[in-house]
Amino acid sequence: MDSKIRLFAKAVTWQVAGFFSMMLIGFLFTGSVTASGGIALAGTFTGFVAYFVHEIAWSHVAWGRGMVAVATHLEASKKT
């Protein structure tokens, strides 16, 4: 399971990449740097929150993990 700081760092780097792609797409559609910046900022904020919540939710799902990872996760859950 990833630590929350690792999840945070992954979310930030993903959103930086997403910001620039959304800015480009927004500019191509609107022709305005200001409008595309607003679109990109709104998308970055909502995408960041959605990604972080999504990753936290999936960190609690054992499906698809190896049995050692499942056992480790279960032991860690008992300690908290």
Protein backbone atom coordinates (compact mmCIF):
# COMPACT_ATOMS: atom_id res chain seq x y z
CA MET A 1 0.00 0.00 0.00
CA ASP A 2 1.32 3.44 -0.88
CA SER A 3 1.79 6.00 1.87
CA LYS A 4 -0.45 9.07 1.77
CA ILE A 5 2.55 11.30 0.97
CA ARG A 6 3.38 9.06 -2.01
CA LEU A 7 -0.24 9.25 -3.17
CA PHE A 8 -0.09 13.03 -2.79
CA ALA A 9 3.14 13.25 -4.83
CA LYS A 10 1.68 11.02 -7.57
CA ALA A 11 -1.45 13.17 -7.68
CA VAL A 12 0.59 16.38 -7.97
CA THR A 13 2.83 15.13 -10.79
CA TRP A 14 -0.17 13.71 -12.67
CA GLN A 15 -2.05 16.99 -12.37
CA VAL A 16 0.93 19.06 -13.55
CA ALA A 17 1.00 16.98 -16.73
CA GLY A 18 -2.78 17.21 -17.00
CA PHE A 19 -2.75 20.98 -16.48
CA PHE A 20 -0.59 21.58 -19.53
CA SER A 21 -2.56 19.23 -21.75
CA MET A 22 -5.87 20.80 -20.62
CA MET A 23 -4.43 24.27 -21.21
CA LEU A 24 -3.48 23.32 -24.76
CA ILE A 25 -6.87 21.74 -25.47
CA GLY A 26 -8.68 24.72 -23.94
CA PHE A 27 -6.62 27.11 -26.06
CA LEU A 28 -7.33 25.15 -29.23
CA PHE A 29 -11.08 25.33 -28.54
CA THR A 30 -11.30 28.91 -27.26
CA GLY A 31 -8.31 30.72 -28.75
CA SER A 32 -7.93 32.46 -25.39
CA VAL A 33 -5.07 31.95 -22.96
CA THR A 34 -7.21 33.31 -20.11
CA ALA A 35 -10.15 31.01 -20.78
CA SER A 36 -7.91 27.99 -21.32
CA GLY A 37 -6.08 28.79 -18.08
CA GLY A 38 -9.36 28.91 -16.17
CA ILE A 39 -10.49 25.63 -17.70
CA ALA A 40 -7.15 24.02 -16.88
CA LEU A 41 -7.15 25.29 -13.27
CA ALA A 42 -10.69 24.07 -12.63
CA GLY A 43 -9.88 20.70 -14.19
CA THR A 44 -6.64 20.41 -12.24
CA PHE A 45 -8.31 21.06 -8.90
CA THR A 46 -11.21 18.68 -9.43
CA GLY A 47 -8.97 16.06 -11.02
CA PHE A 48 -6.51 16.24 -8.10
CA VAL A 49 -9.23 15.69 -5.51
CA ALA A 50 -10.83 12.88 -7.54
CA TYR A 51 -7.48 11.13 -8.10
CA PHE A 52 -6.48 11.33 -4.43
CA VAL A 53 -9.83 9.97 -3.21
CA HIS A 54 -9.75 7.26 -5.88
CA GLU A 55 -6.26 6.12 -4.84
CA ILE A 56 -7.17 6.06 -1.14
CA ALA A 57 -10.28 4.00 -1.89
CA TRP A 58 -8.31 1.52 -4.01
CA SER A 59 -5.62 1.19 -1.34
CA HIS A 60 -8.31 -0.50 0.81
CA VAL A 61 -9.27 -3.01 -1.90
CA ALA A 62 -7.39 -6.31 -1.71
CA TRP A 63 -8.63 -7.61 -5.07
CA GLY A 64 -5.82 -8.24 -7.55
CA ARG A 65 -3.01 -8.20 -5.01
CA GLY A 66 -0.82 -11.17 -4.23
CA MET A 67 -1.59 -13.15 -1.09
CA VAL A 68 1.45 -11.73 0.75
CA ALA A 69 0.22 -8.19 0.10
CA VAL A 70 -3.26 -9.13 1.32
CA ALA A 71 -1.89 -10.67 4.52
CA THR A 72 0.31 -7.62 5.13
CA HIS A 73 -2.64 -5.30 4.57
CA LEU A 74 -4.83 -7.29 6.96
CA GLU A 75 -2.13 -7.25 9.66
CA ALA A 76 -1.67 -3.49 9.25
CA SER A 77 -5.44 -2.96 9.51
CA LYS A 78 -5.54 -4.83 12.82
CA LYS A 79 -2.91 -2.48 14.32
CA THR A 80 -4.90 0.69 13.66
